[in-house]
Protein backbone atom coordinates (compact mmCIF):
# COMPACT_ATOMS: atom_id res chain seq x y z
CA MET A 1 0.00 0.00 0.00
CA CYS A 2 3.04 2.26 0.48
CA GLN A 3 6.84 2.07 0.89
CA TYR A 4 6.82 2.01 4.69
CA LYS A 5 9.24 -0.49 6.28
CA CYS A 6 9.79 -1.33 9.93
CA VAL A 7 11.52 -3.68 12.33
CA THR A 8 8.65 -5.51 14.05
CA LYS A 9 5.28 -6.95 13.04
CA GLY A 10 3.68 -4.89 15.82
CA ASN A 11 4.90 -1.65 14.25
CA LEU A 12 3.59 -2.82 10.86
CA ASN A 13 0.15 -3.64 12.28
CA LEU A 14 0.02 -0.19 13.87
CA HIS A 15 1.01 1.47 10.58
CA LEU A 16 -1.62 -0.46 8.61
CA ARG A 17 -4.32 1.21 10.71
CA LYS A 18 -3.43 4.48 8.95
CA HIS A 19 -4.59 2.87 5.72
CA THR A 20 -7.57 0.93 7.06
CA GLY A 21 -8.78 3.60 9.48
CA GLU A 22 -9.18 0.93 12.16
CA LYS A 23 -9.41 2.31 15.72
CA PRO A 24 -9.83 -0.68 18.05
CA TYR A 25 -9.43 1.22 21.33
CA GLU A 26 -12.54 3.01 22.64
CA CYS A 27 -12.97 5.27 25.66
CA ASP A 28 -15.61 4.08 28.17
CA LEU A 29 -16.37 7.68 29.15
CA CYS A 30 -16.93 9.29 25.74
CA ASP A 31 -16.98 8.52 22.01
CA TYR A 32 -13.20 8.83 21.55
CA ARG A 33 -11.55 6.02 19.57
CA CYS A 34 -7.89 5.56 18.67
CA THR A 35 -5.33 3.19 17.18
CA THR A 36 -3.15 2.42 20.23
CA ARG A 37 -3.63 1.63 23.91
CA GLY A 38 -1.12 4.34 24.83
CA HIS A 39 -3.17 6.99 23.06
CA LEU A 40 -6.28 5.85 24.91
CA GLU A 41 -4.52 6.03 28.29
CA ARG A 42 -3.27 9.55 27.56
CA HIS A 43 -6.75 10.61 26.44
CA ILE A 44 -8.34 9.37 29.69
CA LYS A 45 -5.76 11.20 31.82
CA HIS A 46 -6.02 14.46 29.85
CA LYS A 47 -9.78 14.57 29.36
CA HIS A 48 -11.31 12.67 32.28
CA THR A 49 -9.26 11.73 35.36
CA LYS A 50 -6.90 14.71 35.08
CA GLU A 51 -4.57 13.03 37.59
CA LYS A 52 -1.65 15.37 38.25
CA ASN A 53 -0.48 14.62 41.74
CA PHE A 54 3.27 15.27 41.43
CA SER A 55 5.12 18.31 40.15
CA CYS A 56 8.54 18.80 38.63
CA HIS A 57 10.68 21.11 40.78
CA MET A 58 12.10 22.77 37.64
CA CYS A 59 8.88 23.44 35.70
CA GLN A 60 5.09 23.04 35.80
CA TYR A 61 5.08 19.45 34.59
CA LYS A 62 3.29 16.93 36.81
CA PHE A 63 3.72 13.16 37.16
CA PRO A 64 0.49 11.25 37.89
CA PHE A 65 1.99 7.93 39.04
CA LYS A 66 4.18 7.43 42.11
CA CYS A 67 5.61 4.26 43.64
CA ASP A 68 4.42 3.65 47.23
CA LEU A 69 7.70 1.90 48.07
CA CYS A 70 10.22 4.52 46.89
CA ASP A 71 10.41 7.98 45.29
CA TYR A 72 10.02 6.75 41.71
CA ARG A 73 7.55 8.77 39.62
CA CYS A 74 6.40 8.32 36.04
CA SER A 75 3.79 9.34 33.51
CA LYS A 76 2.43 5.87 32.65
CA ARG A 77 0.75 3.26 34.83
CA SER A 78 2.44 0.49 32.84
CA ASN A 79 5.85 1.99 33.63
CA LEU A 80 4.97 2.05 37.32
CA GLU A 81 3.84 -1.58 37.26
CA THR A 82 7.06 -2.62 35.54
CA HIS A 83 9.11 -0.60 38.06
CA ILE A 84 7.41 -2.30 41.03
CA LYS A 85 7.99 -5.77 39.59
CA CYS A 86 11.62 -5.09 38.69
CA LYS A 87 12.68 -3.20 41.82
CA HIS A 88 10.43 -4.41 44.63
CA THR A 89 8.27 -7.54 44.26
CA LYS A 90 10.75 -9.28 41.91
CA GLU A 91 7.85 -11.24 40.43
CA LYS A 92 9.09 -13.35 37.54
CA ASN A 93 5.91 -14.48 35.84
CA PHE A 94 7.44 -15.10 32.41
CA SER A 95 9.32 -18.37 31.86
CA CYS A 96 11.36 -19.68 28.96
CA HIS A 97 10.09 -23.04 27.65
CA MET A 98 13.58 -23.93 26.43
CA CYS A 99 15.52 -23.42 29.69
CA GLN A 100 14.96 -22.39 33.30
CA TYR A 101 15.18 -18.66 32.66
CA LYS A 102 12.51 -16.50 34.32
CA CYS A 103 11.97 -12.75 34.10
CA VAL A 104 9.69 -9.88 35.03
CA THR A 105 8.47 -8.64 31.65
CA LYS A 106 7.45 -10.20 28.35
CA GLY A 107 9.89 -7.89 26.60
CA LYS A 108 12.81 -9.39 28.49
CA LEU A 109 11.54 -12.89 27.70
CA ASN A 110 11.34 -12.08 23.98
CA PHE A 111 14.88 -10.74 24.15
CA HIS A 112 16.04 -13.91 25.94
CA PHE A 113 14.43 -16.13 23.27
CA ARG A 114 16.82 -14.68 20.71
CA LYS A 115 19.69 -16.43 22.51
CA HIS A 116 18.05 -19.72 21.58
CA THR A 117 16.78 -18.84 18.12
CA GLY A 118 19.80 -16.81 17.04
CA GLU A 119 17.46 -14.11 15.74
CA LYS A 120 19.18 -10.76 15.17
CA PRO A 121 16.54 -8.38 13.80
CA TYR A 122 18.63 -5.20 14.00
CA GLU A 123 21.11 -4.62 11.17
CA CYS A 124 23.75 -1.91 10.73
CA ASP A 125 23.42 0.12 7.52
CA LEU A 126 27.19 0.69 7.41
CA CYS A 127 28.48 -2.89 7.77
CA ASP A 128 27.31 -6.49 8.17
CA TYR A 129 26.81 -6.24 11.94
CA ARG A 130 23.52 -7.65 13.25
CA CYS A 131 22.28 -7.79 16.84
CA THR A 132 19.34 -8.61 19.07
CA THR A 133 18.44 -5.15 20.42
CA ARG A 134 18.15 -1.59 19.16
CA GLY A 135 20.37 -0.41 22.00
CA HIS A 136 23.18 -2.76 20.94
CA LEU A 137 22.92 -1.44 17.39
CA GLU A 138 23.10 2.18 18.52
CA ARG A 139 26.18 1.42 20.64
CA HIS A 140 27.79 -0.43 17.72
CA ILE A 141 27.32 2.54 15.39
CA LYS A 142 28.82 4.94 17.92
CA HIS A 143 31.74 2.64 18.77
CA LYS A 144 32.61 1.46 15.27
CA HIS A 145 31.51 4.21 12.90
CA THR A 146 30.78 7.67 14.28
CA LYS A 147 33.19 7.23 17.24
CA GLU A 148 31.55 10.12 19.04
CA LYS A 149 32.80 10.34 22.62
CA ASN A 150 30.48 12.89 24.17
CA PHE A 151 30.75 11.69 27.78
CA SER A 152 33.75 12.66 29.92
CA CYS A 153 34.84 11.63 33.40
CA HIS A 154 35.23 14.57 35.80
CA MET A 155 37.87 12.67 37.79
CA CYS A 156 40.24 11.71 34.96
CA GLN A 157 40.64 12.13 31.20
CA TYR A 158 38.49 9.16 30.27
CA LYS A 159 35.97 9.73 27.47
CA CYS A 160 33.40 7.34 26.09
CA VAL A 161 30.52 6.91 23.70
CA THR A 162 27.60 6.25 26.05
CA LYS A 163 26.45 7.46 29.46
CA GLY A 164 26.21 3.83 30.52
CA ASN A 165 29.93 3.33 29.86
CA LEU A 166 30.68 6.50 31.82
CA ASN A 167 28.63 5.34 34.81
CA LEU A 168 30.41 2.01 34.69
CA HIS A 169 33.81 3.74 34.53
CA LEU A 170 32.98 5.99 37.50
CA ARG A 171 32.65 2.88 39.66
CA ASN A 172 36.40 2.41 39.20
CA HIS A 173 36.82 5.65 41.16
CA THR A 174 34.03 5.20 43.71
CA GLY A 175 34.33 1.45 44.26
CA ASP A 176 30.56 1.21 43.96
CA LYS A 177 29.27 -2.35 43.46
CA PRO A 178 25.49 -2.01 43.18
CA TYR A 179 24.78 -5.55 41.99
CA LYS A 180 24.56 -8.19 44.74
CA CYS A 181 23.98 -11.90 44.46
CA ASP A 182 20.87 -13.12 46.33
CA LEU A 183 22.53 -16.48 46.97
CA CYS A 184 25.85 -15.37 48.48
CA ASP A 185 27.82 -12.24 49.45
CA TYR A 186 29.21 -11.61 45.97
CA ARG A 187 28.92 -8.03 44.71
CA CYS A 188 30.00 -6.45 41.44
CA SER A 189 29.75 -3.29 39.38
CA VAL A 190 28.14 -4.74 36.25
CA ARG A 191 24.82 -6.59 35.85
CA SER A 192 26.24 -8.96 33.22
CA THR A 193 29.05 -9.92 35.59
CA LEU A 194 26.46 -10.80 38.24
CA GLU A 195 24.52 -12.90 35.73
CA LYS A 196 27.68 -14.82 34.83
CA HIS A 197 28.48 -15.32 38.52
CA ILE A 198 25.04 -16.80 39.20
CA LYS A 199 25.32 -19.18 36.26
CA TYR A 200 28.89 -20.23 37.09
CA LYS A 201 28.50 -20.58 40.85
CA HIS A 202 24.84 -21.38 41.51
CA THR A 203 22.48 -22.41 38.70
CA LYS A 204 25.19 -24.05 36.57
CA GLU A 205 23.05 -23.35 33.48
CA LYS A 206 24.90 -24.21 30.29
CA ASP A 207 22.77 -22.77 27.51
CA PHE A 208 25.48 -22.74 24.82
CA SER A 209 26.42 -25.94 23.00
CA CYS A 210 29.13 -26.79 20.48
CA HIS A 211 27.75 -28.12 17.18
CA THR A 212 30.92 -30.17 16.61
CA CYS A 213 31.19 -31.97 19.95
CA GLN A 214 29.25 -32.37 23.21
CA TYR A 215 30.82 -29.35 24.92
CA LYS A 216 28.41 -27.06 26.77
CA CYS A 217 29.14 -23.81 28.56
CA VAL A 218 27.64 -20.85 30.38
CA THR A 219 28.46 -17.93 28.09
CA LYS A 220 28.72 -17.31 24.38
CA SER A 221 32.28 -16.03 24.83
CA ASP A 222 33.25 -19.37 26.39
CA LEU A 223 31.73 -21.13 23.39
CA ASN A 224 33.58 -18.91 20.92
CA LEU A 225 36.84 -19.66 22.71
CA HIS A 226 36.11 -23.40 22.61
CA LEU A 227 35.27 -23.33 18.89
CA ARG A 228 38.82 -22.16 18.17
CA LYS A 229 39.99 -25.64 19.23
CA HIS A 230 38.09 -26.98 16.24
CA THR A 231 38.87 -24.22 13.77
CA GLY A 232 42.47 -23.65 14.84
CA GLU A 233 41.87 -19.91 14.85
CA LYS A 234 44.47 -17.92 16.80
CA PRO A 235 43.45 -14.26 16.61
CA TYR A 236 45.87 -12.97 19.27
CA LYS A 237 49.46 -12.29 18.13
CA CYS A 238 52.51 -11.18 20.06
CA ASP A 239 53.98 -7.86 18.88
CA ILE A 240 57.49 -9.00 19.77
CA CYS A 241 57.67 -12.49 18.28
CA ASP A 242 55.65 -14.86 16.09
CA TYR A 243 53.65 -16.36 18.96
CA ARG A 244 49.90 -16.63 18.33
CA CYS A 245 47.13 -17.97 20.55
CA SER A 246 43.37 -18.31 20.85
CA ALA A 247 42.83 -16.37 24.09
CA LYS A 248 43.93 -12.91 25.22
CA SER A 249 44.82 -14.27 28.68
CA ASN A 250 47.29 -16.69 27.08
CA LEU A 251 48.90 -13.82 25.18
CA ASN A 252 49.28 -11.82 28.40
CA LYS A 253 50.92 -14.81 30.10
CA HIS A 254 53.26 -15.26 27.14
CA VAL A 255 54.40 -11.63 27.16
CA LEU A 256 55.02 -11.71 30.92
CA SER A 257 56.96 -14.98 30.82
CA LYS A 258 58.94 -14.49 27.60
CA HIS A 259 59.47 -10.78 27.15
CA ALA A 260 58.94 -8.91 30.44
CA LYS A 261 62.22 -7.90 32.06
């Protein structure tokens, strides 16, 4: 019907309503109809409930939804519900049918499924890179192509591409380790490091399998390292001699033992 293209089927279905005129969401308080649930929720707040219980200290803006357990405020009820599940109740109502993974939101479950299916719906327009999330694609473009480093550390000369990287770097200065294991006293500065710890030390989940042998492991990086035993790939090379190896740690050991004085 037109040249519109998008990433997900949900976005396509929403777009098609512009052609069909379909408006499946109807207000119970008036004749208003619209194409999305979000539009209906905003309509009800603006025209009927007019809930504006919280004000911004810098302007006149008001936030209608507040968490009863902390100071979190937001403009959508769905965001508040997600916040409560993620930060307080820790309810994990969504389960993977292929492994023991459980999570709070359907979005996280859909993202997890891609580890099993190998689906990578996001593609870079500048190279062959593909990934599972829009955020990963945006970081890839900044790291590999634009190389914009707009975030600077106020404690040293470090600069980086994303605010997330800056926050992570700042923990090197502060010693902050906000992620704690619920099963032991382990703490760390990165969520992914905590996830690896739990898999290695507690759940022992080995979701990655070698297609050549029966080897199974916890992380994709472990699998990639193992596959080099089959392929013979040795991507790490010593700058001082002809030594090559499959792991960066082996290269570091080589340099220390053979060249360090």
